[in-house]
Amino acid sequence: MLRSDLVQPVPELLRAHADRLPDRVAFRDADRAVDWAGLEAVTRRLAGHLADAGVARGDRVAFCLGNRVETVETWLAVTRAAAVGVPLNPRSTDAELAHLLDDSGAVLVVTDPGHLDQLRRLRADRPDLRIWVTGDGPYPDGATAWPALVDVPPAADARDDLGLDEVAWMLYTSGTTGRPKGVLSTQRTCLWSVAACYVPVPDLTSADRVVWPLPLFHSLSHIACVLSVTAVGASARLVDGFAAADVLRAVAQDEATVLAGVPAMYHHLVAAARADGFRAPALRVCLVGGAITTGELRRAFEEVFDAPLLDAYGSTETCGAIAVTRPDRPRVEGSCGQPVTGVDVRLVSPETGRDVATGDEGEVWVRGPGVMVGYHGLPETTAAVLRDGWYRTGDLARRDHDGNLFVTGRHRELIIRGGEKVHPVEVEDVLRAVPGVADVAVTGRPHEVLGEVPVAYVVPAPEGFAPAAAYAACRERLAYHKVPQELYEIDEVPRTASGKVIRRLLRERPARLRAVNGAHHEALTRLTWRPLDPAGAPEVARRWA
């Protein structure tokens, strides 16, 4: 059911909850909590201080913060100042942050004491950049202290007049295929996803207690946590990280009814809960981001927690979900569910530009109220993906006769081996089921005869894995052209904060060759490590006898 009543300006939602639920906790973290009356007052005051600081309508305000109450306060205050909120990954390097600050044109950045030195270094080349810093101090010269903002009335009032269709936020893409792009969205595009998916599908209400460990700078967190909780007046506990002990502690302490996470986190929660006999009787539904869960994980999780895992497929460009599984409908293995209410989906052949038949693979095209305004500063790129009202996602999928979507991968990530297609995800699913494989990623490498061949990168579990068993599984379940040409061992799969594999970085990671064409490492004359040359030169191979 579409909750169109929730598509209204953020200040109106805040004022309604401040009047109706003044003492109800809105958001809390490990150190502090804010109720709905307090959240309305603090965000109004911060918005006034932004105006006092010279932040004009439409100016970009960045924030580099972890999962803290202050992050939510900043999200909402920037909107009340009629500025554009730009959340940044707090784990970014200096070079990455510098690019995002310059690309966005941010005039002010909000950060915490842990990132203050980094932002001060970057300000040396950006003297006009203003810095606000959260926390209890001490506060260095040149940074505005949080208490001076939340405890002192501003001279200006919150503008509170940003239109539903004006740009409100700029969220950067994960950069899995290149440099991140700033996605421009409005209150209407984002709240549509709230109203069409993240409130009605899990049946989120003001009585719910949400535990949220996903990074708050990410699009899913913006829509499904910050805005959805704000829309209905629920309560959210913010956890900074995926550590199973921290998440389970928060679930127990808050008697959580709703939980969010990525598949890897849910795997760890199952193991930890089984070890300790943990139960969460109040938990009724769990959201999944980053990847589609396997049937094995769903069954294990529901056995321990007695709550369904709901998969959703979406993107930053669609301001939330394109398709979602629903707790009241049968699960179809491998599917991300059916399109969200109000979202039209086409599957189009990249070769012919025509819609494909049911069951055939095509590129996902999306049309609906949640599609972005465009990419910041990239008119040609925007025009390439937004055509005739349709957003071309670059993802590949199939659809069955019931309308269920099965995402098969990225068009750019397809490996074409001798003219035959190989989907990395399909190979990864096989290898992930091999005993001793903790994580895996597959990408293509150039081949002078075949064009490309698939190569697998495995993170072993503590007990290790057998390359011969990995190849046996591949040969049993995959066509010959999909079997990896080589199998490497790595310490960690490079992923975005939402759990997506950054395939372009795989070949830069130090990697130990374990098998070639099925020959396990004992048969090799040497083991090869491929470290990234720190000077940026081509890879240097280091051989071990």
Protein backbone atom coordinates (compact mmCIF):
# COMPACT_ATOMS: atom_id res chain seq x y z
CA MET A 1 0.00 0.00 0.00
CA LEU A 2 1.36 3.39 -0.98
CA ARG A 3 1.70 5.81 1.96
CA SER A 4 1.44 9.01 -0.06
CA ASP A 5 0.67 10.95 3.14
CA LEU A 6 4.38 10.63 4.05
CA VAL A 7 5.56 12.60 1.01
CA GLN A 8 5.74 15.99 2.69
CA PRO A 9 8.55 18.40 3.62
CA VAL A 10 10.91 17.18 6.32
CA PRO A 11 10.20 20.13 8.69
CA GLU A 12 6.50 19.26 8.69
CA LEU A 13 7.24 15.65 9.61
CA LEU A 14 9.50 16.77 12.46
CA ARG A 15 6.98 19.24 13.85
CA ALA A 16 4.21 16.63 13.75
CA HIS A 17 6.26 14.15 15.79
CA ALA A 18 7.44 16.85 18.21
CA ASP A 19 3.77 17.61 18.93
CA ARG A 20 2.54 14.00 19.02
CA LEU A 21 5.55 12.11 20.43
CA PRO A 22 7.68 14.75 22.19
CA ASP A 23 9.36 12.43 24.70
CA ARG A 24 9.74 9.37 22.45
CA VAL A 25 13.36 8.61 21.55
CA ALA A 26 13.93 9.35 17.87
CA PHE A 27 17.57 8.34 17.41
CA ARG A 28 20.24 7.18 19.80
CA ASP A 29 23.76 5.85 19.67
CA ALA A 30 26.14 4.43 22.27
CA ASP A 31 26.58 7.82 23.96
CA ARG A 32 23.47 9.93 23.61
CA ALA A 33 19.86 10.01 22.54
CA VAL A 34 17.51 12.66 21.20
CA ASP A 35 13.73 12.60 21.45
CA TRP A 36 11.38 13.97 18.79
CA ALA A 37 10.90 17.32 20.51
CA GLY A 38 14.66 17.66 20.91
CA LEU A 39 15.36 16.63 17.32
CA GLU A 40 12.96 19.25 15.98
CA ALA A 41 14.53 21.93 18.18
CA VAL A 42 18.16 21.01 17.47
CA THR A 43 17.71 20.77 13.70
CA ARG A 44 15.86 24.11 13.66
CA ARG A 45 18.69 25.72 15.61
CA LEU A 46 21.42 24.18 13.43
CA ALA A 47 19.61 25.33 10.30
CA GLY A 48 19.60 28.87 11.66
CA HIS A 49 23.32 28.69 12.40
CA LEU A 50 23.95 27.52 8.82
CA ALA A 51 22.22 30.66 7.60
CA ASP A 52 24.24 32.74 10.08
CA ALA A 53 27.42 31.17 8.65
CA GLY A 54 26.50 32.43 5.19
CA VAL A 55 25.23 29.16 3.75
CA ALA A 56 22.82 30.22 1.02
CA ARG A 57 19.94 28.34 -0.55
CA GLY A 58 21.31 25.53 -2.69
CA ASP A 59 24.82 25.67 -1.22
CA ARG A 60 26.36 22.28 -0.56
CA VAL A 61 27.05 21.27 3.04
CA ALA A 62 29.16 18.14 3.45
CA PHE A 63 29.37 15.95 6.52
CA CYS A 64 32.02 13.38 7.30
CA LEU A 65 30.63 11.50 10.31
CA GLY A 66 30.09 7.96 11.55
CA ASN A 67 26.87 6.43 12.83
CA ARG A 68 26.06 9.07 15.42
CA VAL A 69 23.01 11.07 16.45
CA GLU A 70 24.83 14.17 15.19
CA THR A 71 24.85 12.65 11.69
CA VAL A 72 21.06 12.46 11.62
CA GLU A 73 20.80 15.96 13.07
CA THR A 74 23.03 17.24 10.28
CA TRP A 75 21.09 15.36 7.57
CA LEU A 76 17.86 17.04 8.64
CA ALA A 77 19.25 20.46 9.57
CA VAL A 78 20.79 21.01 6.15
CA THR A 79 17.38 20.38 4.58
CA ARG A 80 15.78 22.86 6.96
CA ALA A 81 18.39 25.41 5.84
CA ALA A 82 17.29 24.85 2.20
CA ALA A 83 20.86 23.75 1.39
CA VAL A 84 22.04 20.52 -0.24
CA GLY A 85 23.31 17.77 2.06
CA VAL A 86 26.41 15.88 0.90
CA PRO A 87 27.26 12.85 3.07
CA LEU A 88 30.85 11.64 2.74
CA ASN A 89 32.38 8.30 3.60
CA PRO A 90 34.29 8.86 6.87
CA ARG A 91 36.78 6.17 5.83
CA SER A 92 37.85 8.12 2.75
CA THR A 93 41.51 8.88 2.16
CA ASP A 94 42.76 12.45 1.85
CA ALA A 95 42.77 12.14 -1.94
CA GLU A 96 39.22 10.79 -2.02
CA LEU A 97 37.88 13.46 0.32
CA ALA A 98 39.67 16.18 -1.60
CA HIS A 99 37.99 15.07 -4.81
CA LEU A 100 34.53 14.93 -3.22
CA LEU A 101 34.91 18.34 -1.56
CA ASP A 102 36.07 19.92 -4.81
CA ASP A 103 33.54 18.14 -7.01
CA SER A 104 30.61 19.01 -4.75
CA GLY A 105 31.74 22.58 -4.14
CA ALA A 106 30.94 22.23 -0.44
CA VAL A 107 31.15 25.52 1.47
CA LEU A 108 31.02 23.91 4.92
CA VAL A 109 31.77 20.49 6.33
CA VAL A 110 30.61 18.92 9.59
CA THR A 111 32.95 16.35 11.11
CA ASP A 112 33.93 14.72 14.39
CA PRO A 113 37.16 14.91 16.43
CA GLY A 114 38.46 11.73 14.84
CA HIS A 115 38.45 13.28 11.36
CA LEU A 116 39.22 16.86 12.30
CA ASP A 117 42.95 16.69 11.55
CA GLN A 118 42.23 15.22 8.13
CA LEU A 119 39.77 18.01 7.27
CA ARG A 120 42.15 20.68 8.56
CA ARG A 121 44.88 19.31 6.30
CA LEU A 122 42.53 19.50 3.34
CA ARG A 123 41.45 23.02 4.23
CA ALA A 124 45.02 24.22 3.71
CA ASP A 125 44.26 24.21 -0.04
CA ARG A 126 40.65 25.29 0.48
CA PRO A 127 40.85 28.30 2.83
CA ASP A 128 37.17 29.23 2.35
CA LEU A 129 35.94 25.86 3.62
CA ARG A 130 34.32 26.20 7.03
CA ILE A 131 34.49 23.35 9.55
CA TRP A 132 32.01 22.45 12.27
CA VAL A 133 33.14 19.80 14.74
CA THR A 134 30.99 17.64 17.00
CA GLY A 135 31.97 16.24 20.38
CA ASP A 136 32.92 17.66 23.76
CA GLY A 137 36.18 19.36 22.81
CA PRO A 138 38.80 20.64 23.08
CA TYR A 139 38.17 22.59 19.89
CA PRO A 140 41.06 24.00 17.86
CA ASP A 141 41.11 27.44 16.35
CA GLY A 142 39.29 27.69 13.05
CA ALA A 143 36.63 25.08 13.86
CA THR A 144 33.17 25.91 15.16
CA ALA A 145 32.30 23.86 18.25
CA TRP A 146 29.07 21.85 18.37
CA PRO A 147 27.91 23.24 21.76
CA ALA A 148 28.05 26.76 20.30
CA LEU A 149 25.60 25.57 17.67
CA VAL A 150 23.12 23.43 19.59
CA ASP A 151 23.12 25.37 22.89
CA VAL A 152 23.14 28.93 21.58
CA PRO A 153 20.14 30.39 19.70
CA PRO A 154 21.04 31.57 16.19
CA ALA A 155 20.32 35.02 14.87
CA ALA A 156 18.55 33.59 11.82
CA ASP A 157 15.61 31.22 11.70
CA ALA A 158 15.49 27.92 9.86
CA ARG A 159 14.31 28.63 6.32
CA ASP A 160 12.02 25.56 6.27
CA ASP A 161 10.89 26.43 2.75
CA LEU A 162 12.74 23.95 0.54
CA GLY A 163 10.26 22.75 -2.07
CA LEU A 164 9.55 19.06 -2.50
CA ASP A 165 11.00 19.20 -6.01
CA GLU A 166 14.10 21.27 -5.29
CA VAL A 167 17.43 19.46 -4.98
CA ALA A 168 17.88 18.50 -1.33
CA TRP A 169 20.69 15.93 -1.30
CA MET A 170 23.74 14.87 -3.25
CA LEU A 171 24.83 11.30 -2.54
CA TYR A 172 27.89 9.93 -4.25
CA THR A 173 27.80 6.59 -6.01
CA SER A 174 30.02 3.83 -4.66
CA GLY A 175 32.57 4.17 -7.44
CA THR A 176 32.65 0.44 -8.21
CA THR A 177 33.26 1.16 -11.91
CA GLY A 178 35.06 4.51 -11.75
CA ARG A 179 35.12 7.81 -9.89
CA PRO A 180 32.05 8.45 -7.71
CA LYS A 181 29.32 10.59 -9.23
CA GLY A 182 27.13 12.96 -7.23
CA VAL A 183 23.49 11.88 -7.52
CA LEU A 184 21.04 14.76 -7.11
CA SER A 185 17.74 13.97 -5.41
CA THR A 186 14.78 15.86 -3.95
CA GLN A 187 12.59 15.36 -0.92
CA ARG A 188 9.90 13.98 -3.22
CA THR A 189 12.11 11.43 -4.99
CA CYS A 190 13.48 10.10 -1.70
CA LEU A 191 10.24 10.16 0.28
CA TRP A 192 8.50 8.35 -2.56
CA SER A 193 10.71 5.34 -1.86
CA VAL A 194 9.84 5.69 1.82
CA ALA A 195 6.13 5.81 1.03
CA ALA A 196 6.16 3.06 -1.60
CA CYS A 197 8.61 0.59 -0.07
CA TYR A 198 10.42 1.11 3.20
CA VAL A 199 7.38 1.94 5.30
CA PRO A 200 4.60 -0.26 3.82
CA VAL A 201 6.63 -3.39 3.02
CA PRO A 202 8.04 -3.92 6.57
CA ASP A 203 4.91 -2.19 7.96
CA LEU A 204 7.04 0.35 9.82
CA THR A 205 5.15 2.36 12.45
CA SER A 206 5.90 4.71 15.34
CA ALA A 207 5.90 1.70 17.65
CA ASP A 208 8.94 0.14 15.94
CA ARG A 209 12.44 0.04 17.39
CA VAL A 210 15.02 -0.13 14.62
CA VAL A 211 18.66 -1.22 15.01
CA TRP A 212 20.77 0.23 12.19
CA PRO A 213 24.48 -0.70 11.75
CA LEU A 214 24.74 0.22 8.04
CA PRO A 215 26.82 3.35 7.31
CA LEU A 216 24.65 6.46 7.49
CA PHE A 217 26.34 8.17 4.54
CA HIS A 218 24.96 5.48 2.24
CA SER A 219 21.79 5.83 0.14
CA LEU A 220 19.97 2.89 1.76
CA SER A 221 20.57 4.35 5.22
CA HIS A 222 19.37 7.77 4.09
CA ILE A 223 16.09 6.37 2.76
CA ALA A 224 15.33 3.38 4.96
CA CYS A 225 16.67 4.72 8.26
CA VAL A 226 16.94 8.52 8.45
CA LEU A 227 13.91 9.35 6.32
CA SER A 228 11.70 6.32 7.04
CA VAL A 229 12.14 6.63 10.81
CA THR A 230 11.53 10.38 10.53
CA ALA A 231 8.47 9.84 8.35
CA VAL A 232 6.60 7.60 10.83
CA GLY A 233 8.12 8.65 14.16
CA ALA A 234 9.76 5.32 14.96
CA SER A 235 12.89 4.96 17.12
CA ALA A 236 16.32 4.00 15.79
CA ARG A 237 19.43 2.74 17.54
CA LEU A 238 22.56 3.58 15.53
CA VAL A 239 25.41 1.06 15.72
CA ASP A 240 28.80 2.05 14.31
CA GLY A 241 29.95 -1.12 12.55
CA PHE A 242 28.97 -4.72 11.84
CA ALA A 243 30.57 -6.46 14.85
CA ALA A 244 28.18 -9.25 15.80
CA ALA A 245 28.52 -8.63 19.54
CA ASP A 246 27.66 -4.93 19.17
CA VAL A 247 24.67 -5.59 16.95
CA LEU A 248 23.26 -8.35 19.14
CA ARG A 249 23.76 -6.21 22.24
CA ALA A 250 21.78 -3.38 20.63
CA VAL A 251 19.04 -5.77 19.50
CA ALA A 252 18.72 -7.11 23.04
CA GLN A 253 18.90 -3.78 24.84
CA ASP A 254 16.35 -2.08 22.60
CA GLU A 255 14.14 -5.14 22.13
CA ALA A 256 14.46 -4.35 18.44
CA THR A 257 11.60 -5.06 16.09
CA VAL A 258 13.46 -4.16 12.87
CA LEU A 259 17.10 -4.81 11.91
CA ALA A 260 19.15 -3.93 8.83
CA GLY A 261 22.40 -5.38 7.53
CA VAL A 262 24.33 -6.96 4.69
CA PRO A 263 24.52 -10.73 4.06
CA ALA A 264 27.98 -11.07 5.62
CA MET A 265 26.73 -9.47 8.83
CA TYR A 266 23.77 -11.81 9.03
CA HIS A 267 26.12 -14.80 8.58
CA HIS A 268 28.11 -13.62 11.62
CA LEU A 269 24.95 -12.97 13.63
CA VAL A 270 23.74 -16.53 13.05
CA ALA A 271 27.07 -17.98 14.19
CA ALA A 272 27.25 -15.75 17.27
CA ALA A 273 23.63 -16.35 18.24
CA ARG A 274 24.01 -20.11 17.94
CA ALA A 275 27.15 -20.04 20.07
CA ASP A 276 25.47 -18.05 22.86
CA GLY A 277 21.90 -19.30 22.57
CA PHE A 278 20.81 -15.75 21.69
CA ARG A 279 17.16 -15.08 20.93
CA ALA A 280 15.33 -11.90 19.90
CA PRO A 281 11.60 -12.54 20.40
CA ALA A 282 10.58 -8.98 19.50
CA LEU A 283 12.39 -9.00 16.15
CA ARG A 284 9.82 -9.26 13.34
CA VAL A 285 11.55 -8.23 10.09
CA CYS A 286 15.08 -7.63 8.78
CA LEU A 287 16.21 -5.61 5.77
CA VAL A 288 19.12 -6.67 3.56
CA GLY A 289 21.36 -4.36 1.54
CA GLY A 290 24.34 -4.87 -0.75
CA ALA A 291 23.50 -8.28 -2.21
CA ILE A 292 20.76 -10.88 -2.44
CA THR A 293 20.75 -13.49 0.32
CA THR A 294 21.07 -17.17 -0.42
CA GLY A 295 18.39 -19.65 0.56
CA GLU A 296 20.83 -21.27 2.97
CA LEU A 297 21.42 -18.01 4.84
CA ARG A 298 17.71 -17.17 4.98
CA ARG A 299 16.81 -20.55 6.38
CA ALA A 300 19.59 -20.41 8.97
CA PHE A 301 18.71 -16.88 10.04
CA GLU A 302 14.99 -17.55 10.30
CA GLU A 303 15.67 -20.72 12.30
CA VAL A 304 17.64 -18.73 14.90
CA PHE A 305 15.86 -15.37 14.87
CA ASP A 306 12.37 -16.32 13.67
CA ALA A 307 12.22 -13.23 11.46
CA PRO A 308 12.28 -12.95 7.65
CA LEU A 309 15.11 -11.40 5.66
CA LEU A 310 13.77 -9.00 3.03
CA ASP A 311 15.97 -8.47 -0.01
CA ALA A 312 15.78 -5.26 -2.00
CA TYR A 313 17.38 -4.29 -5.29
CA GLY A 314 17.94 -0.61 -5.89
CA SER A 315 20.49 2.09 -6.56
CA THR A 316 21.51 5.56 -5.47
CA GLU A 317 20.12 6.84 -8.79
CA THR A 318 16.66 5.48 -8.01
CA CYS A 319 16.70 6.87 -4.46
CA GLY A 320 15.94 3.47 -3.02
CA ALA A 321 14.44 0.16 -4.04
CA ILE A 322 13.51 -0.89 -7.56
CA ALA A 323 12.25 -4.31 -6.45
CA VAL A 324 11.76 -5.90 -3.05
CA THR A 325 10.73 -9.22 -1.55
CA ARG A 326 7.69 -9.08 0.69
CA PRO A 327 7.06 -10.94 3.94
CA ASP A 328 3.52 -11.91 2.89
CA ARG A 329 4.52 -13.51 -0.43
CA PRO A 330 6.37 -16.76 -1.22
CA ARG A 331 10.12 -16.40 -1.68
CA VAL A 332 11.57 -17.34 -5.05
CA GLU A 333 15.15 -18.51 -4.77
CA GLY A 334 17.63 -16.03 -6.22
CA SER A 335 15.03 -13.32 -6.79
CA CYS A 336 15.06 -9.78 -5.39
CA GLY A 337 11.27 -9.73 -5.59
CA GLN A 338 8.84 -7.72 -7.68
CA PRO A 339 8.97 -4.03 -8.64
CA VAL A 340 8.03 -1.51 -5.98
CA THR A 341 4.63 0.18 -6.26
CA GLY A 342 4.74 2.94 -8.87
CA VAL A 343 8.02 1.76 -10.40
CA ASP A 344 8.01 0.58 -14.02
CA VAL A 345 10.76 -1.83 -15.06
CA ARG A 346 11.81 -2.84 -18.55
CA LEU A 347 14.43 -5.42 -19.48
CA VAL A 348 16.07 -4.29 -22.71
CA SER A 349 18.59 -6.02 -24.93
CA PRO A 350 21.82 -3.97 -24.96
CA GLU A 351 22.41 -5.17 -28.52
CA THR A 352 19.01 -4.45 -30.12
CA GLY A 353 17.45 -1.88 -27.78
CA ARG A 354 14.24 -3.95 -27.67
CA ASP A 355 12.49 -5.48 -24.69
CA VAL A 356 13.52 -9.09 -24.15
CA ALA A 357 11.16 -12.01 -23.73
CA THR A 358 10.21 -13.36 -20.32
CA GLY A 359 13.09 -15.42 -18.99
CA ASP A 360 15.69 -13.75 -21.18
CA GLU A 361 18.40 -11.44 -19.90
CA GLY A 362 18.27 -7.69 -20.48
CA GLU A 363 19.46 -4.40 -19.07
CA VAL A 364 17.23 -2.99 -16.32
CA TRP A 365 15.52 0.26 -17.28
CA VAL A 366 13.52 2.04 -14.57
CA ARG A 367 10.88 4.75 -14.61
CA GLY A 368 9.13 6.19 -11.58
CA PRO A 369 8.84 9.04 -9.08
CA GLY A 370 12.05 8.02 -7.28
CA VAL A 371 14.45 8.45 -10.19
CA MET A 372 17.18 11.03 -9.60
CA VAL A 373 17.27 14.55 -11.02
CA GLY A 374 20.67 13.79 -12.55
CA TYR A 375 24.41 13.71 -11.86
CA HIS A 376 26.01 16.84 -10.43
CA GLY A 377 28.12 18.63 -13.03
CA LEU A 378 27.87 15.79 -15.56
CA PRO A 379 25.23 16.69 -18.15
CA GLU A 380 26.53 14.29 -20.80
CA THR A 381 26.67 11.37 -18.39
CA THR A 382 23.18 12.23 -17.17
CA ALA A 383 21.86 12.34 -20.73
CA ALA A 384 23.41 8.96 -21.44
CA VAL A 385 21.54 7.20 -18.63
CA LEU A 386 18.30 9.23 -18.50
CA ARG A 387 16.47 8.93 -21.80
CA ASP A 388 12.78 9.44 -22.51
CA GLY A 389 11.98 9.20 -18.82
CA TRP A 390 13.83 5.89 -18.31
CA TYR A 391 16.94 5.42 -16.19
CA ARG A 392 19.30 2.86 -17.70
CA THR A 393 20.86 1.12 -14.72
CA GLY A 394 23.61 -0.86 -16.44
CA ASP A 395 22.45 -3.91 -14.45
CA LEU A 396 21.42 -7.14 -16.13
CA ALA A 397 18.45 -9.20 -14.99
CA ARG A 398 15.86 -11.78 -15.94
CA ARG A 399 12.16 -11.80 -15.08
CA ASP A 400 9.89 -14.81 -14.60
CA HIS A 401 6.20 -15.13 -15.51
CA ASP A 402 5.18 -13.89 -12.02
CA GLY A 403 7.17 -10.68 -12.41
CA ASN A 404 10.01 -11.64 -10.05
CA LEU A 405 13.37 -10.06 -10.94
CA PHE A 406 16.66 -11.96 -10.90
CA VAL A 407 19.65 -9.62 -11.09
CA THR A 408 22.52 -11.36 -12.86
CA GLY A 409 25.22 -8.69 -12.73
CA ARG A 410 26.50 -5.49 -14.29
CA HIS A 411 26.68 -5.15 -18.05
CA ARG A 412 30.18 -3.65 -17.69
CA GLU A 413 31.28 -6.54 -15.47
CA LEU A 414 30.32 -9.28 -17.91
CA ILE A 415 33.29 -11.43 -18.85
CA ILE A 416 33.22 -12.36 -22.53
CA ARG A 417 35.30 -15.51 -22.92
CA GLY A 418 35.65 -16.43 -26.56
CA GLY A 419 32.29 -14.81 -27.29
CA GLU A 420 30.50 -16.56 -24.41
CA LYS A 421 29.18 -14.59 -21.41
CA VAL A 422 30.29 -15.24 -17.85
CA HIS A 423 28.53 -13.52 -14.95
CA PRO A 424 30.94 -13.05 -12.01
CA VAL A 425 28.11 -13.40 -9.48
CA GLU A 426 27.16 -16.83 -10.83
CA VAL A 427 30.70 -18.12 -10.33
CA GLU A 428 30.93 -16.48 -6.90
CA ASP A 429 27.75 -18.20 -5.72
CA VAL A 430 29.28 -21.59 -6.53
CA LEU A 431 32.60 -20.89 -4.85
CA ARG A 432 30.98 -19.33 -1.78
CA ALA A 433 29.34 -22.69 -1.03
CA VAL A 434 32.70 -24.52 -0.96
CA PRO A 435 33.81 -25.42 2.59
CA GLY A 436 36.55 -23.11 3.84
CA VAL A 437 35.66 -20.20 1.53
CA ALA A 438 34.85 -17.15 3.67
CA ASP A 439 34.45 -14.69 0.80
CA VAL A 440 35.09 -14.60 -2.92
CA ALA A 441 35.08 -12.27 -5.91
CA VAL A 442 35.47 -12.97 -9.60
CA THR A 443 36.61 -10.69 -12.40
CA GLY A 444 38.01 -11.00 -15.89
CA ARG A 445 41.58 -10.64 -17.08
CA PRO A 446 42.73 -10.12 -20.66
CA HIS A 447 43.61 -13.20 -22.70
CA GLU A 448 45.38 -12.95 -26.05
CA VAL A 449 43.30 -15.71 -27.64
CA LEU A 450 39.94 -15.72 -25.84
CA GLY A 451 39.71 -11.99 -25.14
CA GLU A 452 38.96 -12.47 -21.43
CA VAL A 453 38.96 -15.30 -18.93
CA PRO A 454 37.41 -15.45 -15.46
CA VAL A 455 39.73 -15.31 -12.45
CA ALA A 456 38.63 -15.99 -8.87
CA TYR A 457 39.94 -14.36 -5.67
CA VAL A 458 39.16 -16.29 -2.50
CA VAL A 459 39.36 -15.22 1.13
CA PRO A 460 39.89 -18.45 3.07
CA ALA A 461 38.20 -19.26 6.35
CA PRO A 462 40.50 -19.95 9.34
CA GLU A 463 40.55 -23.65 8.54
CA GLY A 464 41.54 -22.98 4.93
CA PHE A 465 40.02 -24.32 1.73
CA ALA A 466 40.99 -26.93 -0.86
CA PRO A 467 41.49 -25.53 -4.38
CA ALA A 468 40.75 -28.95 -5.84
CA ALA A 469 37.35 -28.94 -4.14
CA ALA A 470 36.68 -25.43 -5.45
CA TYR A 471 37.39 -26.53 -9.01
CA ALA A 472 35.32 -29.69 -8.59
CA ALA A 473 32.34 -27.60 -7.51
CA CYS A 474 32.79 -25.24 -10.47
CA ARG A 475 32.98 -28.09 -12.97
CA GLU A 476 29.92 -29.73 -11.48
CA ARG A 477 27.71 -26.63 -11.47
CA LEU A 478 29.09 -24.39 -14.22
CA ALA A 479 29.55 -24.65 -17.96
CA TYR A 480 33.17 -25.09 -19.03
CA HIS A 481 33.65 -21.47 -20.12
CA LYS A 482 32.60 -20.20 -16.67
CA VAL A 483 35.21 -22.17 -14.71
CA PRO A 484 37.92 -19.76 -13.46
CA GLN A 485 41.19 -19.89 -15.34
CA GLU A 486 43.09 -19.10 -12.13
CA LEU A 487 42.30 -19.10 -8.44
CA TYR A 488 44.05 -16.69 -6.08
CA GLU A 489 44.01 -16.31 -2.32
CA ILE A 490 43.64 -12.78 -0.91
CA ASP A 491 43.22 -11.35 2.57
CA GLU A 492 40.12 -9.31 1.86
CA VAL A 493 37.71 -8.64 -1.00
CA PRO A 494 37.58 -4.89 -1.75
CA ARG A 495 34.03 -3.77 -1.12
CA THR A 496 32.04 -0.60 -0.76
CA ALA A 497 30.41 0.27 2.55
CA SER A 498 27.19 -1.32 1.27
CA GLY A 499 28.96 -4.61 0.51
CA LYS A 500 29.35 -4.34 -3.27
CA VAL A 501 32.51 -5.79 -4.78
CA ILE A 502 34.88 -3.22 -6.33
CA ARG A 503 36.13 -5.52 -9.07
CA ARG A 504 38.47 -3.01 -10.65
CA LEU A 505 40.61 -3.17 -7.48
CA LEU A 506 40.95 -6.95 -7.32
CA ARG A 507 44.02 -7.17 -9.51
CA GLU A 508 45.76 -4.51 -7.42
CA ARG A 509 45.55 -6.58 -4.23
CA PRO A 510 48.44 -8.81 -3.10
CA ALA A 511 47.31 -12.28 -4.16
CA ARG A 512 48.69 -15.78 -3.73
CA LEU A 513 48.21 -18.08 -6.71
CA ARG A 514 46.61 -21.34 -5.52
CA ALA A 515 45.50 -23.08 -8.69
CA VAL A 516 45.67 -22.84 -12.48
CA ASN A 517 43.13 -24.70 -14.59
CA GLY A 518 42.36 -26.92 -11.62
CA ALA A 519 45.92 -27.82 -10.65
CA HIS A 520 46.12 -27.18 -6.91
CA HIS A 521 49.07 -25.41 -5.41
CA GLU A 522 51.07 -28.50 -4.45
CA ALA A 523 51.47 -29.17 -8.15
CA LEU A 524 52.80 -25.70 -8.86
CA THR A 525 56.51 -25.10 -8.99
CA ARG A 526 56.13 -21.78 -7.19
CA LEU A 527 53.59 -19.51 -5.58
CA THR A 528 53.04 -16.03 -6.93
CA TRP A 529 52.17 -12.89 -5.01
CA ARG A 530 51.07 -9.81 -6.95
CA PRO A 531 51.43 -6.71 -4.78
CA LEU A 532 50.45 -3.23 -5.93
CA ASP A 533 53.48 -1.13 -6.71
CA PRO A 534 53.25 1.88 -4.37
CA ALA A 535 54.76 4.14 -7.00
CA GLY A 536 51.91 3.36 -9.37
CA ALA A 537 54.09 1.35 -11.75
CA PRO A 538 52.80 -1.88 -13.30
CA GLU A 539 52.37 -4.83 -10.96
CA VAL A 540 55.53 -6.37 -9.67
CA ALA A 541 55.57 -10.15 -9.20
CA ARG A 542 57.36 -11.56 -6.20
CA ARG A 543 58.12 -15.26 -6.50
CA TRP A 544 58.38 -17.70 -3.65
CA ALA A 545 60.07 -21.07 -4.20
